[in-house]
Amino acid sequence: MRADRLLRLLWLLRGRSGTVPARELATALEVSARTVLRDVEALSAAGVPVYTERGRHGGIMLLADYRPDVLGLSDDEALALTAVVSTPSAGALGLEALLQSAMGKIRRTVDRDAALVGSRILIDPAGWLSKSTGLPIIDVLDAVQGLRRVCFRYSSGRSGRISDVSTTALGLLCAASDWYLVAGAAECIRFYRLDRLECLRVGEVDADAPQIDLAEEWARARRGFQERFSPMTATLEVERCALGVLRGLVAVEEMEGAVEADELVMEGGEPEGSESLSAVVRMRALFADVSHATEVLPRLSAHVRVLDPPELKRALHDLAEQVLAAVQ
């Protein structure tokens, strides 16, 4: 369609700072150079500031400050999209090239300086250590889009028990860096982690598949998950060398009267070396429950001491005895 071609011509010109040869545009649009010139005339007649230059280095140019408002987005809305878009997630879905193309169009609708936001903010859910690859994301996406029946073997996260599952694919979720298949019936929606799923087979369309609000179902599942825990606040003495690790694992706050980091610096601004790293800071840490605490605290080895509550101290003592018995 000509309207689609005119928009593509606008995007191509918007992305260039100088003149573009008509033949280059014709190749990109898969039309003749004569057709490109006719399209330029049509855009000019519609009030678009596009013009041509003759000569060896001539071509077609769009006025540098022109911003086509074909998306109906404000500058702030366009900036928000360019800032939070996740290219890694799109890549997992096989959509990275399409996403890059779409975001390029959005950036060209905003001020050139403001569009730099998209190149200065990156959101990567995988973090430093990427998780296992080879997840059946594309196959699951195909099943979800068609609301198809699926069969697979699934390993429970709690018991490790392996079961055969037959259900209807309703949605695909990426939470942090974990991918989930959302499946089931209207009154029984389940979330299956893709890294625990194997031998996936995609079947026929389920004509009776329910229509669900994926965001609402995820919020309900999260609430149910969090309600299973009894939050625990622990008082800890933590060596300075372990503070960064602890803060990366749980919510913590420094208690009144604790040693400040600035107090661990000698006169002249140089750190005290091993003495400063072993200095103790008293902290309060919030854990989901006692089992969460016994998963986190052993990672800090001998750099943390539990002062309270007694329940946590007993749980860590029992865990230490179990580990010792296992290695003897």
C-alpha atoms as a PDB file:
ATOM      1  CA  MET A   1       0.000   0.000   0.000  1.00  0.00           C
ATOM      2  CA  ARG A   2       1.221   3.499  -0.806  1.00  0.00           C
ATOM      3  CA  ALA A   3       0.398   4.892   2.667  1.00  0.00           C
ATOM      4  CA  ASP A   4       2.600   2.249   4.256  1.00  0.00           C
ATOM      5  CA  ARG A   5       5.404   3.058   1.803  1.00  0.00           C
ATOM      6  CA  LEU A   6       5.165   6.778   2.569  1.00  0.00           C
ATOM      7  CA  LEU A   7       5.528   6.076   6.290  1.00  0.00           C
ATOM      8  CA  ARG A   8       8.527   3.848   5.666  1.00  0.00           C
ATOM      9  CA  LEU A   9      10.075   6.581   3.531  1.00  0.00           C
ATOM     10  CA  LEU A  10       9.598   9.028   6.407  1.00  0.00           C
ATOM     11  CA  TRP A  11      11.297   6.670   8.870  1.00  0.00           C
ATOM     12  CA  LEU A  12      14.232   6.120   6.519  1.00  0.00           C
ATOM     13  CA  LEU A  13      14.759   9.849   6.039  1.00  0.00           C
ATOM     14  CA  ARG A  14      14.242  10.584   9.727  1.00  0.00           C
ATOM     15  CA  GLY A  15      17.072   8.229  10.616  1.00  0.00           C
ATOM     16  CA  ARG A  16      19.628  10.004   8.389  1.00  0.00           C
ATOM     17  CA  SER A  17      21.395  13.311   9.049  1.00  0.00           C
ATOM     18  CA  GLY A  18      22.142  14.175   5.410  1.00  0.00           C
ATOM     19  CA  THR A  19      20.821  13.569   1.935  1.00  0.00           C
ATOM     20  CA  VAL A  20      19.957  10.043   0.845  1.00  0.00           C
ATOM     21  CA  PRO A  21      20.279   9.021  -2.821  1.00  0.00           C
ATOM     22  CA  ALA A  22      16.976   8.169  -4.467  1.00  0.00           C
ATOM     23  CA  ARG A  23      18.372   4.842  -5.676  1.00  0.00           C
ATOM     24  CA  GLU A  24      19.277   3.845  -2.106  1.00  0.00           C
ATOM     25  CA  LEU A  25      15.750   4.633  -0.936  1.00  0.00           C
ATOM     26  CA  ALA A  26      14.313   2.770  -3.915  1.00  0.00           C
ATOM     27  CA  THR A  27      16.297  -0.331  -2.986  1.00  0.00           C
ATOM     28  CA  ALA A  28      15.143  -0.149   0.637  1.00  0.00           C
ATOM     29  CA  LEU A  29      11.498   0.305  -0.395  1.00  0.00           C
ATOM     30  CA  GLU A  30      11.684  -2.208  -3.271  1.00  0.00           C
ATOM     31  CA  VAL A  31      10.387   0.294  -5.834  1.00  0.00           C
ATOM     32  CA  SER A  32      11.914   2.354  -8.642  1.00  0.00           C
ATOM     33  CA  ALA A  33      13.743   5.655  -8.143  1.00  0.00           C
ATOM     34  CA  ARG A  34      10.975   7.356 -10.154  1.00  0.00           C
ATOM     35  CA  THR A  35       8.388   6.056  -7.667  1.00  0.00           C
ATOM     36  CA  VAL A  36      10.458   7.421  -4.772  1.00  0.00           C
ATOM     37  CA  LEU A  37      10.504  10.883  -6.390  1.00  0.00           C
ATOM     38  CA  ARG A  38       6.727  10.769  -6.855  1.00  0.00           C
ATOM     39  CA  ASP A  39       6.343   9.823  -3.177  1.00  0.00           C
ATOM     40  CA  VAL A  40       8.570  12.750  -2.194  1.00  0.00           C
ATOM     41  CA  GLU A  41       6.311  15.090  -4.171  1.00  0.00           C
ATOM     42  CA  ALA A  42       3.273  13.665  -2.381  1.00  0.00           C
ATOM     43  CA  LEU A  43       4.864  14.180   1.039  1.00  0.00           C
ATOM     44  CA  SER A  44       5.873  17.732   0.161  1.00  0.00           C
ATOM     45  CA  ALA A  45       2.340  18.511  -1.021  1.00  0.00           C
ATOM     46  CA  ALA A  46       1.045  17.219   2.333  1.00  0.00           C
ATOM     47  CA  GLY A  47       3.226  19.708   4.217  1.00  0.00           C
ATOM     48  CA  VAL A  48       6.115  17.422   5.112  1.00  0.00           C
ATOM     49  CA  PRO A  49       9.416  19.407   4.936  1.00  0.00           C
ATOM     50  CA  VAL A  50      11.171  17.076   2.505  1.00  0.00           C
ATOM     51  CA  TYR A  51      13.254  18.325  -0.403  1.00  0.00           C
ATOM     52  CA  THR A  52      15.783  17.208  -2.996  1.00  0.00           C
ATOM     53  CA  GLU A  53      19.260  18.415  -3.840  1.00  0.00           C
ATOM     54  CA  ARG A  54      20.869  18.057  -7.253  1.00  0.00           C
ATOM     55  CA  GLY A  55      24.472  17.234  -7.973  1.00  0.00           C
ATOM     56  CA  ARG A  56      26.981  14.487  -7.349  1.00  0.00           C
ATOM     57  CA  HIS A  57      26.305  14.403  -3.606  1.00  0.00           C
ATOM     58  CA  GLY A  58      22.638  15.245  -3.919  1.00  0.00           C
ATOM     59  CA  GLY A  59      19.643  13.263  -2.854  1.00  0.00           C
ATOM     60  CA  ILE A  60      16.564  13.527  -0.680  1.00  0.00           C
ATOM     61  CA  MET A  61      16.548  15.108   2.763  1.00  0.00           C
ATOM     62  CA  LEU A  62      14.070  15.645   5.573  1.00  0.00           C
ATOM     63  CA  LEU A  63      14.308  18.832   7.630  1.00  0.00           C
ATOM     64  CA  ALA A  64      16.438  17.911  10.668  1.00  0.00           C
ATOM     65  CA  ASP A  65      14.008  19.171  13.327  1.00  0.00           C
ATOM     66  CA  TYR A  66      10.918  17.541  11.829  1.00  0.00           C
ATOM     67  CA  ARG A  67       9.248  14.953  14.090  1.00  0.00           C
ATOM     68  CA  PRO A  68       6.324  13.043  12.550  1.00  0.00           C
ATOM     69  CA  ASP A  69       3.627  12.469  15.187  1.00  0.00           C
ATOM     70  CA  VAL A  70       2.191   9.341  13.602  1.00  0.00           C
ATOM     71  CA  LEU A  71       2.205   7.351  16.857  1.00  0.00           C
ATOM     72  CA  GLY A  72       0.259   9.836  18.957  1.00  0.00           C
ATOM     73  CA  LEU A  73       2.861   9.561  21.744  1.00  0.00           C
ATOM     74  CA  SER A  74       4.098  12.446  23.849  1.00  0.00           C
ATOM     75  CA  ASP A  75       7.858  12.846  24.262  1.00  0.00           C
ATOM     76  CA  ASP A  76       7.636  11.525  27.827  1.00  0.00           C
ATOM     77  CA  GLU A  77       5.660   8.460  26.720  1.00  0.00           C
ATOM     78  CA  ALA A  78       8.145   7.673  23.967  1.00  0.00           C
ATOM     79  CA  LEU A  79      11.038   8.113  26.403  1.00  0.00           C
ATOM     80  CA  ALA A  80       9.372   5.758  28.880  1.00  0.00           C
ATOM     81  CA  LEU A  81       9.136   3.064  26.222  1.00  0.00           C
ATOM     82  CA  THR A  82      12.743   3.429  25.108  1.00  0.00           C
ATOM     83  CA  ALA A  83      13.940   3.339  28.717  1.00  0.00           C
ATOM     84  CA  VAL A  84      12.201   0.183  29.956  1.00  0.00           C
ATOM     85  CA  VAL A  85      12.142  -2.042  26.886  1.00  0.00           C
ATOM     86  CA  SER A  86      14.001  -5.330  27.437  1.00  0.00           C
ATOM     87  CA  THR A  87      15.938  -6.470  24.374  1.00  0.00           C
ATOM     88  CA  PRO A  88      17.138  -9.745  25.999  1.00  0.00           C
ATOM     89  CA  SER A  89      13.550 -10.851  26.646  1.00  0.00           C
ATOM     90  CA  ALA A  90      12.576  -9.998  23.073  1.00  0.00           C
ATOM     91  CA  GLY A  91      15.573 -11.982  21.852  1.00  0.00           C
ATOM     92  CA  ALA A  92      14.398 -15.039  23.785  1.00  0.00           C
ATOM     93  CA  LEU A  93      11.087 -14.770  21.929  1.00  0.00           C
ATOM     94  CA  GLY A  94      12.794 -14.399  18.549  1.00  0.00           C
ATOM     95  CA  LEU A  95      11.601 -10.800  18.265  1.00  0.00           C
ATOM     96  CA  GLU A  96      14.815  -8.834  18.832  1.00  0.00           C
ATOM     97  CA  ALA A  97      15.134  -7.534  15.249  1.00  0.00           C
ATOM     98  CA  LEU A  98      11.494  -6.442  15.175  1.00  0.00           C
ATOM     99  CA  LEU A  99      11.840  -4.770  18.564  1.00  0.00           C
ATOM    100  CA  GLN A 100      14.950  -2.872  17.499  1.00  0.00           C
ATOM    101  CA  SER A 101      13.138  -1.678  14.376  1.00  0.00           C
ATOM    102  CA  ALA A 102      10.081  -0.569  16.358  1.00  0.00           C
ATOM    103  CA  MET A 103      12.128   1.214  19.015  1.00  0.00           C
ATOM    104  CA  GLY A 104      14.115   2.972  16.313  1.00  0.00           C
ATOM    105  CA  LYS A 105      10.871   4.392  14.953  1.00  0.00           C
ATOM    106  CA  ILE A 106       9.772   5.517  18.408  1.00  0.00           C
ATOM    107  CA  ARG A 107      13.108   7.228  19.121  1.00  0.00           C
ATOM    108  CA  ARG A 108      12.819   9.137  15.871  1.00  0.00           C
ATOM    109  CA  THR A 109       9.558  10.693  17.086  1.00  0.00           C
ATOM    110  CA  VAL A 110      11.245  12.421  20.036  1.00  0.00           C
ATOM    111  CA  ASP A 111      13.871  15.102  20.354  1.00  0.00           C
ATOM    112  CA  ARG A 112      17.278  13.820  19.186  1.00  0.00           C
ATOM    113  CA  ASP A 113      18.979  14.625  22.503  1.00  0.00           C
ATOM    114  CA  ALA A 114      16.169  13.034  24.499  1.00  0.00           C
ATOM    115  CA  ALA A 115      16.323   9.913  22.328  1.00  0.00           C
ATOM    116  CA  LEU A 116      19.769   9.200  23.807  1.00  0.00           C
ATOM    117  CA  VAL A 117      17.943   7.828  26.860  1.00  0.00           C
ATOM    118  CA  GLY A 118      17.399   4.629  24.909  1.00  0.00           C
ATOM    119  CA  SER A 119      21.147   4.190  24.470  1.00  0.00           C
ATOM    120  CA  ARG A 120      22.004   4.979  28.094  1.00  0.00           C
ATOM    121  CA  ILE A 121      19.592   2.652  29.904  1.00  0.00           C
ATOM    122  CA  LEU A 122      19.664  -1.125  29.525  1.00  0.00           C
ATOM    123  CA  ILE A 123      17.422  -3.590  31.361  1.00  0.00           C
ATOM    124  CA  ASP A 124      18.801  -7.144  31.367  1.00  0.00           C
ATOM    125  CA  PRO A 125      16.798  -9.554  33.567  1.00  0.00           C
ATOM    126  CA  ALA A 126      19.529 -12.209  33.311  1.00  0.00           C
ATOM    127  CA  GLY A 127      22.031 -10.242  35.393  1.00  0.00           C
ATOM    128  CA  TRP A 128      25.695 -11.258  35.550  1.00  0.00           C
ATOM    129  CA  LEU A 129      25.144 -14.999  35.290  1.00  0.00           C
ATOM    130  CA  SER A 130      22.833 -16.166  32.521  1.00  0.00           C
ATOM    131  CA  LYS A 131      20.625 -19.112  33.389  1.00  0.00           C
ATOM    132  CA  SER A 132      20.348 -22.304  31.400  1.00  0.00           C
ATOM    133  CA  THR A 133      19.708 -21.927  27.693  1.00  0.00           C
ATOM    134  CA  GLY A 134      17.719 -24.197  25.443  1.00  0.00           C
ATOM    135  CA  LEU A 135      14.352 -23.440  27.045  1.00  0.00           C
ATOM    136  CA  PRO A 136      11.375 -24.235  24.750  1.00  0.00           C
ATOM    137  CA  ILE A 137      10.277 -20.587  24.731  1.00  0.00           C
ATOM    138  CA  ILE A 138       9.384 -20.385  21.034  1.00  0.00           C
ATOM    139  CA  ASP A 139       7.358 -23.624  21.153  1.00  0.00           C
ATOM    140  CA  VAL A 140       5.524 -22.420  24.256  1.00  0.00           C
ATOM    141  CA  LEU A 141       4.864 -19.049  22.613  1.00  0.00           C
ATOM    142  CA  ASP A 142       3.348 -20.812  19.608  1.00  0.00           C
ATOM    143  CA  ALA A 143       1.117 -22.876  21.898  1.00  0.00           C
ATOM    144  CA  VAL A 144       0.054 -19.809  23.881  1.00  0.00           C
ATOM    145  CA  GLN A 145      -0.819 -17.756  20.815  1.00  0.00           C
ATOM    146  CA  GLY A 146      -3.051 -20.543  19.546  1.00  0.00           C
ATOM    147  CA  LEU A 147      -4.472 -21.517  22.968  1.00  0.00           C
ATOM    148  CA  ARG A 148      -3.381 -25.068  22.226  1.00  0.00           C
ATOM    149  CA  ARG A 149      -3.282 -28.214  24.312  1.00  0.00           C
ATOM    150  CA  VAL A 150       0.188 -29.172  25.531  1.00  0.00           C
ATOM    151  CA  CYS A 151       1.694 -32.264  27.144  1.00  0.00           C
ATOM    152  CA  PHE A 152       5.001 -32.383  29.009  1.00  0.00           C
ATOM    153  CA  ARG A 153       6.912 -33.905  31.910  1.00  0.00           C
ATOM    154  CA  TYR A 154       7.322 -31.609  34.903  1.00  0.00           C
ATOM    155  CA  SER A 155       9.618 -31.740  37.923  1.00  0.00           C
ATOM    156  CA  SER A 156       8.124 -30.254  41.100  1.00  0.00           C
ATOM    157  CA  GLY A 157      10.209 -27.580  42.786  1.00  0.00           C
ATOM    158  CA  ARG A 158       9.148 -28.745  46.258  1.00  0.00           C
ATOM    159  CA  SER A 159       9.374 -32.520  46.135  1.00  0.00           C
ATOM    160  CA  GLY A 160      11.312 -33.089  42.913  1.00  0.00           C
ATOM    161  CA  ARG A 161       8.595 -35.541  41.869  1.00  0.00           C
ATOM    162  CA  ILE A 162       8.249 -35.899  38.088  1.00  0.00           C
ATOM    163  CA  SER A 163       4.725 -36.011  36.664  1.00  0.00           C
ATOM    164  CA  ASP A 164       3.089 -36.071  33.233  1.00  0.00           C
ATOM    165  CA  VAL A 165       0.971 -32.982  32.598  1.00  0.00           C
ATOM    166  CA  SER A 166      -1.726 -32.401  29.975  1.00  0.00           C
ATOM    167  CA  THR A 167      -3.209 -28.912  29.962  1.00  0.00           C
ATOM    168  CA  THR A 168      -4.052 -25.822  27.877  1.00  0.00           C
ATOM    169  CA  ALA A 169      -1.429 -23.123  27.243  1.00  0.00           C
ATOM    170  CA  LEU A 170      -2.867 -19.727  28.215  1.00  0.00           C
ATOM    171  CA  GLY A 171       0.094 -17.399  28.693  1.00  0.00           C
ATOM    172  CA  LEU A 172       3.860 -16.912  28.841  1.00  0.00           C
ATOM    173  CA  LEU A 173       5.453 -15.024  31.738  1.00  0.00           C
ATOM    174  CA  CYS A 174       8.979 -13.776  32.386  1.00  0.00           C
ATOM    175  CA  ALA A 175       9.422 -12.892  36.079  1.00  0.00           C
ATOM    176  CA  ALA A 176      12.919 -11.597  36.830  1.00  0.00           C
ATOM    177  CA  SER A 177      14.903 -14.015  34.646  1.00  0.00           C
ATOM    178  CA  ASP A 178      12.615 -17.043  35.058  1.00  0.00           C
ATOM    179  CA  TRP A 179      10.177 -18.050  32.297  1.00  0.00           C
ATOM    180  CA  TYR A 180       6.827 -19.666  33.092  1.00  0.00           C
ATOM    181  CA  LEU A 181       4.102 -21.348  31.089  1.00  0.00           C
ATOM    182  CA  VAL A 182       0.708 -20.209  32.383  1.00  0.00           C
ATOM    183  CA  ALA A 183      -1.774 -23.001  31.794  1.00  0.00           C
ATOM    184  CA  GLY A 184      -4.917 -24.700  33.038  1.00  0.00           C
ATOM    185  CA  ALA A 185      -8.648 -24.108  33.195  1.00  0.00           C
ATOM    186  CA  ALA A 186     -10.636 -21.065  34.326  1.00  0.00           C
ATOM    187  CA  GLU A 187     -10.782 -22.117  37.984  1.00  0.00           C
ATOM    188  CA  CYS A 188      -7.315 -23.677  38.177  1.00  0.00           C
ATOM    189  CA  ILE A 189      -4.516 -21.583  36.672  1.00  0.00           C
ATOM    190  CA  ARG A 190      -1.005 -22.972  37.176  1.00  0.00           C
ATOM    191  CA  PHE A 191       2.478 -21.537  36.586  1.00  0.00           C
ATOM    192  CA  TYR A 192       5.072 -24.009  35.260  1.00  0.00           C
ATOM    193  CA  ARG A 193       8.748 -23.015  35.202  1.00  0.00           C
ATOM    194  CA  LEU A 194      10.198 -23.756  31.785  1.00  0.00           C
ATOM    195  CA  ASP A 195      13.530 -24.952  33.205  1.00  0.00           C
ATOM    196  CA  ARG A 196      11.654 -27.777  34.984  1.00  0.00           C
ATOM    197  CA  LEU A 197       9.697 -28.753  31.888  1.00  0.00           C
ATOM    198  CA  GLU A 198      10.776 -31.343  29.310  1.00  0.00           C
ATOM    199  CA  CYS A 199       9.409 -33.446  26.439  1.00  0.00           C
ATOM    200  CA  LEU A 200       6.977 -30.704  25.398  1.00  0.00           C
ATOM    201  CA  ARG A 201       4.392 -31.640  22.764  1.00  0.00           C
ATOM    202  CA  VAL A 202       1.997 -29.076  21.286  1.00  0.00           C
ATOM    203  CA  GLY A 203      -1.424 -30.323  20.251  1.00  0.00           C
ATOM    204  CA  GLU A 204      -4.640 -28.970  18.790  1.00  0.00           C
ATOM    205  CA  VAL A 205      -6.412 -25.708  19.561  1.00  0.00           C
ATOM    206  CA  ASP A 206      -8.584 -25.893  22.686  1.00  0.00           C
ATOM    207  CA  ALA A 207     -11.942 -24.453  21.650  1.00  0.00           C
ATOM    208  CA  ASP A 208     -12.984 -24.211  25.305  1.00  0.00           C
ATOM    209  CA  ALA A 209      -9.856 -22.388  26.498  1.00  0.00           C
ATOM    210  CA  PRO A 210     -10.721 -19.599  28.969  1.00  0.00           C
ATOM    211  CA  GLN A 211      -9.798 -15.957  28.364  1.00  0.00           C
ATOM    212  CA  ILE A 212      -7.701 -14.772  31.308  1.00  0.00           C
ATOM    213  CA  ASP A 213      -6.139 -11.521  32.478  1.00  0.00           C
ATOM    214  CA  LEU A 214      -2.504 -12.611  32.713  1.00  0.00           C
ATOM    215  CA  ALA A 215      -1.387  -9.688  34.902  1.00  0.00           C
ATOM    216  CA  GLU A 216      -4.265 -10.309  37.325  1.00  0.00           C
ATOM    217  CA  GLU A 217      -3.549 -14.039  37.507  1.00  0.00           C
ATOM    218  CA  TRP A 218       0.136 -13.368  38.204  1.00  0.00           C
ATOM    219  CA  ALA A 219      -0.706 -10.859  40.948  1.00  0.00           C
ATOM    220  CA  ARG A 220      -3.058 -13.400  42.556  1.00  0.00           C
ATOM    221  CA  ALA A 221      -0.416 -16.145  42.371  1.00  0.00           C
ATOM    222  CA  ARG A 222       2.215 -13.875  43.942  1.00  0.00           C
ATOM    223  CA  ARG A 223      -0.099 -12.962  46.804  1.00  0.00           C
ATOM    224  CA  GLY A 224      -0.835 -16.624  47.456  1.00  0.00           C
ATOM    225  CA  PHE A 225       2.871 -17.457  47.390  1.00  0.00           C
ATOM    226  CA  GLN A 226       3.801 -14.668  49.808  1.00  0.00           C
ATOM    227  CA  GLU A 227       1.000 -15.572  52.233  1.00  0.00           C
ATOM    228  CA  ARG A 228       2.600 -18.996  52.765  1.00  0.00           C
ATOM    229  CA  PHE A 229       5.499 -17.393  54.621  1.00  0.00           C
ATOM    230  CA  SER A 230       5.873 -16.016  58.142  1.00  0.00           C
ATOM    231  CA  PRO A 231       8.321 -13.096  57.836  1.00  0.00           C
ATOM    232  CA  MET A 232      11.237 -13.135  60.258  1.00  0.00           C
ATOM    233  CA  THR A 233      13.384 -10.207  61.397  1.00  0.00           C
ATOM    234  CA  ALA A 234      16.869 -11.170  62.551  1.00  0.00           C
ATOM    235  CA  THR A 235      19.512  -9.174  64.405  1.00  0.00           C
ATOM    236  CA  LEU A 236      22.942  -9.827  62.941  1.00  0.00           C
ATOM    237  CA  GLU A 237      26.541  -8.812  63.449  1.00  0.00           C
ATOM    238  CA  VAL A 238      28.084  -8.614  59.990  1.00  0.00           C
ATOM    239  CA  GLU A 239      31.679  -8.007  59.000  1.00  0.00           C
ATOM    240  CA  ARG A 240      32.093  -5.117  56.609  1.00  0.00           C
ATOM    241  CA  CYS A 241      33.446  -7.405  53.874  1.00  0.00           C
ATOM    242  CA  ALA A 242      30.074  -9.215  53.738  1.00  0.00           C
ATOM    243  CA  LEU A 243      27.747  -6.192  53.807  1.00  0.00           C
ATOM    244  CA  GLY A 244      27.496  -5.879  50.033  1.00  0.00           C
ATOM    245  CA  VAL A 245      26.579  -9.537  49.614  1.00  0.00           C
ATOM    246  CA  LEU A 246      23.953  -9.374  52.374  1.00  0.00           C
ATOM    247  CA  ARG A 247      22.343  -6.232  50.938  1.00  0.00           C
ATOM    248  CA  GLY A 248      22.099  -7.966  47.587  1.00  0.00           C
ATOM    249  CA  LEU A 249      20.191 -10.885  49.101  1.00  0.00           C
ATOM    250  CA  VAL A 250      17.730  -9.395  51.614  1.00  0.00           C
ATOM    251  CA  ALA A 251      16.355  -6.108  52.909  1.00  0.00           C
ATOM    252  CA  VAL A 252      18.561  -4.801  55.724  1.00  0.00           C
ATOM    253  CA  GLU A 253      18.835  -1.702  57.882  1.00  0.00           C
ATOM    254  CA  GLU A 254      21.694  -0.541  60.047  1.00  0.00           C
ATOM    255  CA  MET A 255      20.876  -0.362  63.746  1.00  0.00           C
ATOM    256  CA  GLU A 256      21.420   2.734  65.847  1.00  0.00           C
ATOM    257  CA  GLY A 257      24.947   2.892  67.209  1.00  0.00           C
ATOM    258  CA  ALA A 258      26.357   0.614  64.509  1.00  0.00           C
ATOM    259  CA  VAL A 259      29.805   1.296  63.095  1.00  0.00           C
ATOM    260  CA  GLU A 260      29.624   3.637  60.120  1.00  0.00           C
ATOM    261  CA  ALA A 261      31.733   2.926  57.049  1.00  0.00           C
ATOM    262  CA  ASP A 262      33.260   6.419  57.224  1.00  0.00           C
ATOM    263  CA  GLU A 263      34.540   5.627  60.722  1.00  0.00           C
ATOM    264  CA  LEU A 264      36.565   2.764  59.272  1.00  0.00           C
ATOM    265  CA  VAL A 265      38.896   5.104  57.380  1.00  0.00           C
ATOM    266  CA  MET A 266      42.227   6.242  58.778  1.00  0.00           C
ATOM    267  CA  GLU A 267      43.494   9.796  58.789  1.00  0.00           C
ATOM    268  CA  GLY A 268      44.722  10.736  55.339  1.00  0.00           C
ATOM    269  CA  GLY A 269      41.796   8.938  53.662  1.00  0.00           C
ATOM    270  CA  GLU A 270      43.350   5.486  53.323  1.00  0.00           C
ATOM    271  CA  PRO A 271      41.413   2.384  54.448  1.00  0.00           C
ATOM    272  CA  GLU A 272      42.759   0.381  57.363  1.00  0.00           C
ATOM    273  CA  GLY A 273      43.042  -2.779  55.276  1.00  0.00           C
ATOM    274  CA  SER A 274      42.174  -6.052  57.007  1.00  0.00           C
ATOM    275  CA  GLU A 275      41.037  -4.289  60.184  1.00  0.00           C
ATOM    276  CA  SER A 276      38.398  -2.240  58.323  1.00  0.00           C
ATOM    277  CA  LEU A 277      37.168  -5.279  56.383  1.00  0.00           C
ATOM    278  CA  SER A 278      36.703  -7.280  59.579  1.00  0.00           C
ATOM    279  CA  ALA A 279      34.994  -4.452  61.489  1.00  0.00           C
ATOM    280  CA  VAL A 280      31.542  -5.523  62.669  1.00  0.00           C
ATOM    281  CA  VAL A 281      28.287  -3.716  61.886  1.00  0.00           C
ATOM    282  CA  ARG A 282      25.043  -4.582  63.639  1.00  0.00           C
ATOM    283  CA  MET A 283      22.116  -4.948  61.214  1.00  0.00           C
ATOM    284  CA  ARG A 284      18.456  -5.955  61.102  1.00  0.00           C
ATOM    285  CA  ALA A 285      17.585  -8.237  58.200  1.00  0.00           C
ATOM    286  CA  LEU A 286      14.119  -9.222  56.988  1.00  0.00           C
ATOM    287  CA  PHE A 287      13.682 -12.784  55.717  1.00  0.00           C
ATOM    288  CA  ALA A 288      10.596 -14.395  54.184  1.00  0.00           C
ATOM    289  CA  ASP A 289      10.740 -17.083  56.885  1.00  0.00           C
ATOM    290  CA  VAL A 290      13.246 -19.190  58.807  1.00  0.00           C
ATOM    291  CA  SER A 291      13.943 -21.458  55.808  1.00  0.00           C
ATOM    292  CA  HIS A 292      14.780 -18.396  53.714  1.00  0.00           C
ATOM    293  CA  ALA A 293      17.248 -17.274  56.389  1.00  0.00           C
ATOM    294  CA  THR A 294      18.941 -20.682  56.492  1.00  0.00           C
ATOM    295  CA  GLU A 295      19.421 -20.477  52.713  1.00  0.00           C
ATOM    296  CA  VAL A 296      20.913 -16.968  52.757  1.00  0.00           C
ATOM    297  CA  LEU A 297      23.120 -16.792  55.842  1.00  0.00           C
ATOM    298  CA  PRO A 298      25.364 -19.808  55.098  1.00  0.00           C
ATOM    299  CA  ARG A 299      26.498 -17.981  51.948  1.00  0.00           C
ATOM    300  CA  LEU A 300      28.217 -15.434  54.190  1.00  0.00           C
ATOM    301  CA  SER A 301      30.262 -18.136  55.896  1.00  0.00           C
ATOM    302  CA  ALA A 302      31.942 -16.947  59.107  1.00  0.00           C
ATOM    303  CA  HIS A 303      31.394 -13.257  58.332  1.00  0.00           C
ATOM    304  CA  VAL A 304      28.005 -13.060  60.072  1.00  0.00           C
ATOM    305  CA  ARG A 305      26.797 -13.923  63.584  1.00  0.00           C
ATOM    306  CA  VAL A 306      23.131 -14.298  64.538  1.00  0.00           C
ATOM    307  CA  LEU A 307      22.147 -12.541  67.759  1.00  0.00           C
ATOM    308  CA  ASP A 308      18.396 -13.017  67.555  1.00  0.00           C
ATOM    309  CA  PRO A 309      15.912 -14.758  67.304  1.00  0.00           C
ATOM    310  CA  PRO A 310      16.712 -18.042  69.082  1.00  0.00           C
ATOM    311  CA  GLU A 311      14.605 -19.972  66.547  1.00  0.00           C
ATOM    312  CA  LEU A 312      16.980 -18.976  63.750  1.00  0.00           C
ATOM    313  CA  LYS A 313      20.060 -19.805  65.814  1.00  0.00           C
ATOM    314  CA  ARG A 314      18.690 -23.305  66.463  1.00  0.00           C
ATOM    315  CA  ALA A 315      17.824 -23.804  62.776  1.00  0.00           C
ATOM    316  CA  LEU A 316      21.344 -22.835  61.682  1.00  0.00           C
ATOM    317  CA  HIS A 317      22.854 -25.105  64.343  1.00  0.00           C
ATOM    318  CA  ASP A 318      20.748 -28.033  63.084  1.00  0.00           C
ATOM    319  CA  LEU A 319      21.759 -27.270  59.492  1.00  0.00           C
ATOM    320  CA  ALA A 320      25.444 -27.213  60.441  1.00  0.00           C
ATOM    321  CA  GLU A 321      25.113 -30.621  62.125  1.00  0.00           C
ATOM    322  CA  GLN A 322      23.417 -32.051  59.020  1.00  0.00           C
ATOM    323  CA  VAL A 323      26.180 -30.735  56.750  1.00  0.00           C
ATOM    324  CA  LEU A 324      28.872 -32.085  59.064  1.00  0.00           C
ATOM    325  CA  ALA A 325      27.219 -35.504  59.167  1.00  0.00           C
ATOM    326  CA  ALA A 326      26.989 -35.561  55.373  1.00  0.00           C
ATOM    327  CA  VAL A 327      30.724 -35.004  54.853  1.00  0.00           C
ATOM    328  CA  GLN A 328      32.027 -37.361  57.551  1.00  0.00           C
END
